[in-house]
Amino acid sequence: MFEGLLSSYLEVFYSVLLGLIGVISVYFYARIKNGKQTPKSNVDQKAKSTLKSTAKCTKSKGEKEILPDQKNKIKILYGTQTGKSKHFAENLSKDGTYKGYNCEVIDLKNYDPDEQLDSEGENTTCLVVFISTYTEGTPPEGAEWFVKWLEESASDFRVQKSLLSNLHYAVFGLGNSLYSENFNTVAKHVDHCLHKLSGHRILSVGLGDENVSQSRHKSLENDYVAWKRDFWKKLKEVNYVFASKDLEKNCKNEGQCNCQDEDTASENTGIESDDELQEDPTDNEIVDVEDLGRVMGSGKTSTKLNPLKDEPAEMITPLIKKSLEKQGYKLIGTHSGVKLCRWTKSMLRGRGGCYKHTFYGIESHRCMETTPSLACANKCVFCWRHHTNPVGTEWRWKMDDAEFVFNGALQNHVALIKQFKGVPGVQPERFLEGLTPQHCALSLVGEPIMYPKINKFIDLLHDKGISTFMVTNAQFPDAIRDLSPVTQLYVSVDASTKDSLKKIDRPLFRDFWDRFLESLDALSAKNQRTVYRLTLVKAWNTEELDNYASLVSRGNPDFIEVKGVTYCGESKASNLTMENVPWHTEVVNFVQELVDRLDGDYEIAAEHEHSNCVLVANKKFLVDGKWWTWIDYPKFHSLMKRFKASGGEEKFSSDDYMAPTPDWAVFGAEERGFDPKEERHFRKKQKDV
């Protein structure tokens, strides 16, 4: 019995012992296996290992231990003309604050590099510069001194080239690849100068491109989003190195210390040298940039990147959409828009029509203002849209069908008219008439003639009995030659010399002057009504009368509209003020002097004082002492139908559809161009405070 009991105990003992041996074996096997694992060779793991080991290092007596999160300040500088750089700077600051950084945003006009820049590396993790390139490759207003200081310091032999050796920095530029000679020149130059002064570039200079067709990520906003993502990755690497170096300073190296070797740490910071910044061969030389517009400053950037580089981009980016919709546009598809003119609203109330009503007899309440192309080839100083629309020299965007654009324009216009039902003062009969547009002003914004299917679009308008008033900025002569007949074709003649045109229109084309003159030649070959539209900007283009007269003789327009520039409020994209707006008497005086230089072929025919506009007409429209500047619209549509039916063989000219001008519209009449059937409305004067 005893032997049996002993045997049972021994079996239990041996079982427990074997189990214990097995557990110990598994434990040591796991330890050995883990010890042989190869650590990841990325910067994050090395840095974390360094921090873990060095955190236990002793510190010198009386010396404060530097923790990884203490050097976490990011200083963000911006130089902007219209507000977009500021928007990006504030967006980066918001992200940085969320990530735990202490971010400070400063306008470069309030930043003194002479006093502050050389000490930034001691107090900040990184200095970030957002800067746009303005006209002719110049810095935006307020950033000139910063850029000049950098240039002089980088080239001055008296300034130590190690001046910024403790500074880590990143630069993002805002540009437009359509200005081929100056694309992001300012940002590139700032980046180069900072590096030349031994600053440590943490990633390549960001080249934001407003030209969506060439932008690497399909829009300026997406270029910024992609750059920002890389920026945070690189900054994270730099932060680990900072932390390891700071802890290393406190280590007495007593006993075993695993502090990371400084050279090894430097190799893994992600800091880039000039050799690493060779431009991608796919990057085109590019731009003179403006930012998109103050009005877009509060918009959200799109985070959706289009990976299909070869797929045409949409002209309307999210920020452009937000801006234009805020201004009252109804956008159609990817590149078109419609908007109610204030004169349409005025005539619905019986308060008078626009100058086209006075000069040509349109019914302003039945006029649809639209464009099939929001893009333009100029950035005129007097742009009434503050340059919130896209720019381009050729069509590279996704394209909507003409039928889609036409139907969208008509439906949206009618929907806008319907909003006036029951509005106080709106006349019921005019409201009903307004639901059936009879005229289309293709002058809303942008360059309608750029739209590749413009002739089809015009045909659709004419088929619906809608007259066409097409405006072009005289940069597409071939398109003018190929254009189907329109009711009236305008060419904007904003200046009379190459230098003044460049100054006022700020065209994108290098050969803008040749294109301008060729456009006038193409206009002279048109049979239908043609118009020169001159916008007078006091102190800019009011002293070039002889040159204007020469241009008139070249294009031989039927009419010349001379209008004082409209001040559209303060805009960082333009330095125009009310001082540049001529009085109506000044416009009349200019026109009289111009007419005197036109060899008796033209005379002043009409005026619209309210619009500060005067009409000069060729004397062929003066029949038996009476002006015939108005249009017989039914006759025009009849002529167009015959023209189309004959395949273009049965031609017609401006003489064939003219109509007599009423006495109240003629220059010198006491009504000064205001239709006596309308009721003049005056705004109530503000009370004195």
Foldseek 3Di string as FASTA:
>chain_A
DVVVVVVVVVVVVVVVVVVVVVVVVVVVVVVVVVVPDDDDPALVVLLVVLCVQLVPFAFDPPDDADALLPQFEEEEEEFALFQQLVLLSVVLCVVSVVVPGHYHYDYLLPDDCVPPVLCCLVRHLAYEYEFEFAFPRATAPSNNVVLVVLVCLLPPPVHQLCSNQSHEYEYEYEWAALLQARQRVSRVSSVVSCVSSNYFYLDAYQRQHCHQLLGPQRHSLQSSLVVSVVVVVLSVLSSSLVRLVSSVVGHPCPDDGPRDDNVVSVVNSSTDDVVVHDDDPSDGRGGRDHDQHNLLSVPDGDNDTDNPSQAFHFQQHRSLVVSVVVVAWDDFPRFKTWHQDVQLVCVLLLAFHDLCCLQANFRNVQETEMAQGQEAQWDFQLPLSLNNGHYDDADRHDHDDLVRRLVSSLVVQLVVLVVCVPPPRGDVVSSVSSNQHQEYENVNHHARLRRPCSQVNQVVCLVSNYAYEHEGAQQCLVSLLVHDDGQEYEYEDAALDPVLCCVGGVGSDPPRVVSNLSNLQSQLPDFAAYEYEYEAFPPRHLPPLLSVLVSCVRNVGQKYKYFYRDHNDDGSSHDGDVVRGDQLVSSVVSVVVNCVSNVVQKDWWFAANVRSMTMIGGCVQQDPNFGFSYWQSVQVSVQVVVCVVVVNPSDHHHVRTTGTRDPLGTPPHPVRSTPPSGDHDDDDDDDDD
